[in-house]
Amino acid sequence: MPAVHAPAPSPLRQWTTDGVAPAARLDYWVGAICEAFLEMDCSSREAPVFGGVLQSLAVQALSVNQVRASTQDVYRTPAGIARSRNLPFYLIAQAESAWHVRQDGQVAHLRPGDMVLVDSARPYELHFSEGVNCVSLQLPRAWVGQWLAQPEVRGPRVAWRDQGWGQSLGALAVQLARDPASAQALPPALLSDHLGALLCAALEPPAAPAASAGQGLHAHLCALLRGRVDQPGVSAQALAQEAGVSPRTLHRAFAAQGGTFAGTLRQLRLVRAAQLLRRPQLAHVAVAEIGRRCGFADASHFARVFQQAMGVPPAQWRRGG
């Protein structure tokens, strides 16, 4: 008989108070957040009618956690820190209501879409007075150290939703808070690079001086990318290594010019595809093949992003539309 393979376990885990007796729900919830995140205490003025759902999705070394629950106050205490084996950072944002966080004697009052980075190695408090609908991204300390020059700055570090790259980071947070599974739409390495680049640009924006050097590096990186638009799976890490800079320096160079690595690569690929589609000698080549030659492995994805950028489908563009 042919071997029967068990289905691969789902990377999505879930805890819910549904089916738990009302009197035991808050205790169940404390156990859930300790299992999903780390050792913390939790209280709620809605304890008699408390309800909550927590979903956790592993994406390589990161974890995307969606929380929907009643009002609550969460405390990371010295005793909880002493019981924890791992001490990650958490990047947290609410999708719909205001809240505040306290750490190292500092308080940050946050709006929906504002993101805050908190260090689980030091005590903190999270206060959700209007209920919870948030995303909490668990970030390993080593990963954060790759992106931030000063990862252990004291106090909550905020990326404001209406300031600089905080706008893009906040939009990503709200999307993940509403649909954590959307994190699977991107290759894990690309999501990790995209998130790290936005985190670096939002919390440690590059200084204005030395613009000429930054522009020179940006131009060099773009030249390297133009030579690789036909290669699927081009990574920021590989490009940085070829350019002789760190991934953080690479992403800073793109951010200083108002762009990102992923956005620049996509734009260069689309420009190249638009040029090839208009070449008479390539009229016999299928649209999907043109997309493949410009690094788009999926034909439907190529058609979708091309129409978004150019306003018409690739076939119509080829006809002069």
Protein backbone atom coordinates (compact mmCIF):
# COMPACT_ATOMS: atom_id res chain seq x y z
CA MET A 1 0.00 0.00 0.00
CA PRO A 2 1.21 3.53 -0.70
CA ALA A 3 2.41 5.43 2.32
CA VAL A 4 -0.12 7.76 3.90
CA HIS A 5 1.34 11.10 4.90
CA ALA A 6 -0.26 13.05 7.71
CA PRO A 7 -1.17 16.63 6.79
CA ALA A 8 1.36 19.23 7.86
CA PRO A 9 0.38 20.98 11.09
CA SER A 10 -1.16 24.41 10.62
CA PRO A 11 1.12 27.32 11.61
CA LEU A 12 -1.95 29.10 13.04
CA ARG A 13 -2.76 28.47 16.72
CA GLN A 14 -5.88 29.75 18.46
CA TRP A 15 -7.17 30.24 21.99
CA THR A 16 -10.77 31.29 22.69
CA THR A 17 -12.96 31.71 25.77
CA ASP A 18 -15.91 30.21 23.87
CA GLY A 19 -16.94 27.10 25.72
CA VAL A 20 -15.27 28.20 28.97
CA ALA A 21 -17.54 28.84 31.95
CA PRO A 22 -17.91 32.61 32.56
CA ALA A 23 -16.39 32.43 36.02
CA ALA A 24 -13.25 30.77 34.64
CA ARG A 25 -12.75 32.85 31.49
CA LEU A 26 -10.34 35.43 32.86
CA ASP A 27 -8.15 32.73 34.41
CA TYR A 28 -8.21 30.87 31.10
CA TRP A 29 -7.24 34.08 29.31
CA VAL A 30 -4.24 34.70 31.57
CA GLY A 31 -3.05 31.18 30.78
CA ALA A 32 -3.58 31.77 27.05
CA ILE A 33 -1.51 34.95 26.88
CA CYS A 34 1.23 33.34 28.95
CA GLU A 35 1.32 30.40 26.55
CA ALA A 36 1.11 32.47 23.38
CA PHE A 37 3.40 35.31 24.48
CA LEU A 38 5.22 35.14 27.82
CA GLU A 39 4.62 35.38 31.56
CA MET A 40 2.18 38.25 32.25
CA ASP A 41 -0.65 39.13 34.62
CA CYS A 42 -4.01 40.41 33.43
CA SER A 43 -7.07 42.01 35.07
CA SER A 44 -10.36 43.25 33.62
CA ARG A 45 -13.29 45.26 34.92
CA GLU A 46 -15.43 43.03 32.67
CA ALA A 47 -14.28 39.82 34.36
CA PRO A 48 -17.84 38.45 34.89
CA VAL A 49 -18.57 38.68 31.15
CA PHE A 50 -15.04 38.49 29.80
CA GLY A 51 -14.46 37.16 26.28
CA GLY A 52 -11.50 36.89 24.00
CA VAL A 53 -9.92 35.20 20.98
CA LEU A 54 -6.18 35.02 20.35
CA GLN A 55 -4.62 33.75 17.12
CA SER A 56 -0.88 33.23 16.66
CA LEU A 57 0.74 32.69 13.25
CA ALA A 58 4.42 31.76 13.02
CA VAL A 59 6.28 33.37 10.10
CA GLN A 60 9.86 32.06 10.26
CA ALA A 61 11.40 33.51 13.44
CA LEU A 62 8.61 36.08 13.84
CA SER A 63 5.13 35.58 15.23
CA VAL A 64 2.00 37.49 14.13
CA ASN A 65 -0.55 37.56 16.94
CA GLN A 66 -4.11 38.87 16.61
CA VAL A 67 -6.01 39.63 19.82
CA ARG A 68 -9.72 40.45 20.12
CA ALA A 69 -10.95 40.67 23.68
CA SER A 70 -12.76 42.60 26.39
CA THR A 71 -11.20 45.54 28.21
CA GLN A 72 -8.10 44.56 30.14
CA ASP A 73 -4.92 45.70 31.85
CA VAL A 74 -1.80 43.62 31.21
CA TYR A 75 1.25 43.68 33.47
CA ARG A 76 4.75 42.41 32.75
CA THR A 77 6.31 42.10 36.20
CA PRO A 78 9.84 41.41 37.45
CA ALA A 79 8.61 38.03 38.70
CA GLY A 80 7.25 37.21 35.24
CA ILE A 81 10.54 38.26 33.65
CA ALA A 82 12.45 35.96 35.99
CA ARG A 83 10.25 33.02 34.91
CA SER A 84 10.71 33.68 31.17
CA ARG A 85 13.23 31.82 29.06
CA ASN A 86 12.93 34.14 26.04
CA LEU A 87 12.92 37.94 26.14
CA PRO A 88 11.64 39.14 22.74
CA PHE A 89 10.45 42.56 21.70
CA TYR A 90 6.79 43.19 20.83
CA LEU A 91 5.54 45.60 18.20
CA ILE A 92 1.91 46.34 19.06
CA ALA A 93 -0.90 48.36 17.46
CA GLN A 94 -4.63 48.70 17.96
CA ALA A 95 -6.89 48.69 14.90
CA GLU A 96 -9.89 50.58 16.28
CA SER A 97 -9.52 52.22 19.71
CA ALA A 98 -7.11 54.28 21.80
CA TRP A 99 -4.95 52.70 24.52
CA HIS A 100 -1.77 53.43 26.45
CA VAL A 101 1.44 51.74 27.51
CA ARG A 102 3.75 52.46 30.46
CA GLN A 103 7.42 51.39 30.65
CA ASP A 104 10.49 52.77 32.44
CA GLY A 105 8.40 55.54 34.00
CA GLN A 106 7.22 56.81 30.60
CA VAL A 107 3.64 56.70 29.27
CA ALA A 108 2.69 56.65 25.59
CA HIS A 109 -0.93 57.40 24.67
CA LEU A 110 -1.67 55.69 21.38
CA ARG A 111 -4.31 56.01 18.68
CA PRO A 112 -5.48 53.31 16.28
CA GLY A 113 -2.66 52.69 13.83
CA ASP A 114 0.14 53.97 16.09
CA MET A 115 2.72 51.24 16.75
CA VAL A 116 4.81 50.85 19.87
CA LEU A 117 7.89 48.72 20.44
CA VAL A 118 8.20 47.32 23.97
CA ASP A 119 11.04 45.28 25.44
CA SER A 120 9.89 42.24 27.42
CA ALA A 121 13.18 42.25 29.35
CA ARG A 122 11.85 45.22 31.38
CA PRO A 123 8.50 45.60 33.20
CA TYR A 124 5.65 47.27 31.35
CA GLU A 125 1.90 47.84 31.51
CA LEU A 126 -0.62 47.74 28.64
CA HIS A 127 -4.01 49.35 29.28
CA PHE A 128 -6.93 48.70 26.90
CA SER A 129 -9.86 50.68 28.34
CA GLU A 130 -12.12 50.23 25.29
CA GLY A 131 -11.45 46.62 24.44
CA VAL A 132 -8.74 44.93 22.38
CA ASN A 133 -8.50 44.56 18.61
CA CYS A 134 -4.78 44.56 18.09
CA VAL A 135 -1.81 42.93 16.41
CA SER A 136 1.20 42.03 18.49
CA LEU A 137 4.28 41.06 16.49
CA GLN A 138 6.76 38.99 18.46
CA LEU A 139 10.30 39.91 17.35
CA PRO A 140 13.38 37.99 18.55
CA ARG A 141 16.04 40.14 20.18
CA ALA A 142 18.66 39.10 17.63
CA TRP A 143 16.34 40.05 14.75
CA VAL A 144 15.65 43.50 16.24
CA GLY A 145 19.38 44.00 16.71
CA GLN A 146 19.90 43.46 12.98
CA TRP A 147 17.58 46.36 12.14
CA LEU A 148 17.94 48.91 14.94
CA ALA A 149 21.24 50.52 15.85
CA GLN A 150 19.93 51.15 19.40
CA PRO A 151 17.46 48.35 20.13
CA GLU A 152 17.44 48.79 23.93
CA VAL A 153 16.51 52.46 24.24
CA ARG A 154 14.50 52.82 27.45
CA GLY A 155 10.78 53.54 27.42
CA PRO A 156 8.15 52.71 24.81
CA ARG A 157 9.27 53.62 21.28
CA VAL A 158 6.39 54.85 19.11
CA ALA A 159 5.98 54.93 15.33
CA TRP A 160 3.17 57.47 14.90
CA ARG A 161 0.64 56.65 12.19
CA ASP A 162 0.85 60.14 10.61
CA GLN A 163 4.60 60.79 10.77
CA GLY A 164 7.16 59.63 8.22
CA TRP A 165 7.46 55.90 7.71
CA GLY A 166 5.14 55.36 10.66
CA GLN A 167 2.32 55.81 8.14
CA SER A 168 3.37 52.68 6.22
CA LEU A 169 4.20 50.71 9.35
CA GLY A 170 0.84 51.61 10.92
CA ALA A 171 -1.05 50.61 7.76
CA LEU A 172 0.72 47.23 7.79
CA ALA A 173 -0.16 46.79 11.47
CA VAL A 174 -3.87 47.52 10.96
CA GLN A 175 -3.97 45.08 8.03
CA LEU A 176 -2.39 42.33 10.13
CA ALA A 177 -4.67 43.13 13.09
CA ARG A 178 -7.72 42.62 10.90
CA ASP A 179 -6.40 39.64 8.93
CA PRO A 180 -3.29 37.97 10.36
CA ALA A 181 -3.38 35.32 7.62
CA SER A 182 -2.54 38.07 5.10
CA ALA A 183 1.04 37.74 6.37
CA GLN A 184 1.19 34.54 4.29
CA ALA A 185 0.59 36.48 1.06
CA LEU A 186 4.31 37.39 0.95
CA PRO A 187 7.28 35.02 1.06
CA PRO A 188 8.43 34.87 4.71
CA ALA A 189 11.87 36.36 3.96
CA LEU A 190 10.29 39.25 2.06
CA LEU A 191 7.84 39.97 4.90
CA SER A 192 10.69 39.91 7.40
CA ASP A 193 12.79 42.32 5.30
CA HIS A 194 9.82 44.61 4.62
CA LEU A 195 8.88 44.79 8.30
CA GLY A 196 12.47 45.31 9.40
CA ALA A 197 13.04 48.08 6.87
CA LEU A 198 9.87 49.92 7.94
CA LEU A 199 10.74 49.49 11.62
CA CYS A 200 14.22 50.92 11.06
CA ALA A 201 12.94 53.82 8.93
CA ALA A 202 10.14 54.70 11.39
CA LEU A 203 12.08 54.47 14.68
CA GLU A 204 15.57 55.49 13.53
CA PRO A 205 15.11 57.74 10.48
CA PRO A 206 18.34 58.59 8.67
CA ALA A 207 19.94 61.95 9.39
CA ALA A 208 19.66 64.66 6.73
CA PRO A 209 23.44 65.32 6.27
CA ALA A 210 25.62 63.26 3.93
CA ALA A 211 22.90 63.32 1.29
CA SER A 212 25.40 63.01 -1.56
CA ALA A 213 26.88 59.80 -0.12
CA GLY A 214 23.40 58.38 0.47
CA GLN A 215 22.31 59.29 -3.04
CA GLY A 216 25.43 57.68 -4.46
CA LEU A 217 24.74 54.44 -2.63
CA HIS A 218 21.09 54.55 -3.70
CA ALA A 219 22.08 55.01 -7.34
CA HIS A 220 24.57 52.13 -7.06
CA LEU A 221 21.95 49.84 -5.53
CA CYS A 222 19.43 50.73 -8.25
CA ALA A 223 22.03 49.96 -10.92
CA LEU A 224 22.64 46.55 -9.35
CA LEU A 225 18.89 45.91 -9.22
CA ARG A 226 18.42 46.82 -12.89
CA GLY A 227 20.79 44.04 -13.76
CA ARG A 228 18.72 41.54 -11.78
CA VAL A 229 15.13 42.37 -12.68
CA ASP A 230 14.93 39.10 -14.61
CA GLN A 231 15.88 37.06 -11.54
CA PRO A 232 13.02 35.97 -9.23
CA GLY A 233 13.73 35.89 -5.53
CA VAL A 234 16.18 38.80 -5.41
CA SER A 235 16.75 39.50 -1.69
CA ALA A 236 17.85 42.62 0.14
CA GLN A 237 20.46 40.61 2.02
CA ALA A 238 22.09 39.32 -1.18
CA LEU A 239 22.08 42.78 -2.75
CA ALA A 240 23.59 44.34 0.39
CA GLN A 241 26.33 41.71 0.41
CA GLU A 242 27.15 42.43 -3.24
CA ALA A 243 27.21 46.18 -2.58
CA GLY A 244 29.46 45.68 0.46
CA VAL A 245 27.05 47.21 2.97
CA SER A 246 24.86 45.89 5.77
CA PRO A 247 21.13 45.20 5.15
CA ARG A 248 20.32 48.06 7.54
CA THR A 249 22.46 50.49 5.50
CA LEU A 250 20.78 49.28 2.31
CA HIS A 251 17.29 49.91 3.64
CA ARG A 252 18.32 53.30 5.03
CA ALA A 253 19.58 54.29 1.57
CA PHE A 254 16.20 53.50 0.00
CA ALA A 255 14.28 55.18 2.84
CA ALA A 256 16.37 58.35 2.51
CA GLN A 257 15.17 58.65 -1.10
CA GLY A 258 11.53 58.05 -0.12
CA GLY A 259 11.34 54.42 -1.22
CA THR A 260 11.87 50.83 -0.14
CA PHE A 261 13.89 47.94 -1.51
CA ALA A 262 10.78 45.93 -2.43
CA GLY A 263 8.99 48.91 -3.99
CA THR A 264 12.03 49.91 -6.05
CA LEU A 265 12.56 46.37 -7.32
CA ARG A 266 8.90 46.10 -8.30
CA GLN A 267 9.00 49.44 -10.10
CA LEU A 268 12.15 48.54 -12.03
CA ARG A 269 10.59 45.24 -13.08
CA LEU A 270 7.43 46.97 -14.28
CA VAL A 271 9.41 49.55 -16.28
CA ARG A 272 11.37 46.74 -17.92
CA ALA A 273 8.18 44.80 -18.69
CA ALA A 274 6.56 47.88 -20.21
CA GLN A 275 9.58 48.32 -22.50
CA LEU A 276 9.63 44.68 -23.61
CA LEU A 277 5.89 44.61 -24.31
CA ARG A 278 6.30 47.48 -26.79
CA ARG A 279 9.16 45.87 -28.73
CA PRO A 280 7.93 44.68 -32.17
CA GLN A 281 10.47 41.86 -32.26
CA LEU A 282 8.90 40.40 -29.10
CA ALA A 283 5.32 40.56 -30.34
CA HIS A 284 5.21 36.76 -30.61
CA VAL A 285 6.25 36.29 -26.96
CA ALA A 286 3.36 35.63 -24.57
CA VAL A 287 2.55 38.25 -21.96
CA ALA A 288 3.17 35.73 -19.17
CA GLU A 289 6.64 35.02 -20.58
CA ILE A 290 7.43 38.75 -20.64
CA GLY A 291 6.46 38.88 -16.98
CA ARG A 292 8.65 35.88 -16.23
CA ARG A 293 11.61 37.53 -17.96
CA CYS A 294 11.12 40.50 -15.64
CA GLY A 295 11.14 38.46 -12.44
CA PHE A 296 7.39 37.85 -12.04
CA ALA A 297 7.05 34.11 -11.48
CA ASP A 298 3.22 34.23 -11.31
CA ALA A 299 1.38 35.41 -14.44
CA SER A 300 -1.76 36.57 -12.63
CA HIS A 301 0.29 38.54 -10.11
CA PHE A 302 2.20 40.20 -12.95
CA ALA A 303 -1.02 41.17 -14.72
CA ARG A 304 -2.52 42.57 -11.52
CA VAL A 305 0.43 44.73 -10.45
CA PHE A 306 1.05 45.90 -14.03
CA GLN A 307 -2.54 47.14 -14.36
CA GLN A 308 -2.35 48.84 -10.97
CA ALA A 309 0.82 50.68 -12.02
CA MET A 310 0.07 51.42 -15.69
CA GLY A 311 -3.70 51.71 -15.62
CA VAL A 312 -4.25 49.05 -18.31
CA PRO A 313 -3.61 45.28 -18.55
CA PRO A 314 -0.31 44.16 -20.12
CA ALA A 315 -2.00 42.97 -23.31
CA GLN A 316 -3.68 46.34 -23.84
CA TRP A 317 -0.42 48.15 -23.11
CA ARG A 318 1.25 46.00 -25.78
CA ARG A 319 -1.39 47.12 -28.33
CA GLY A 320 -0.62 50.75 -27.54
CA GLY A 321 -3.40 51.33 -25.01
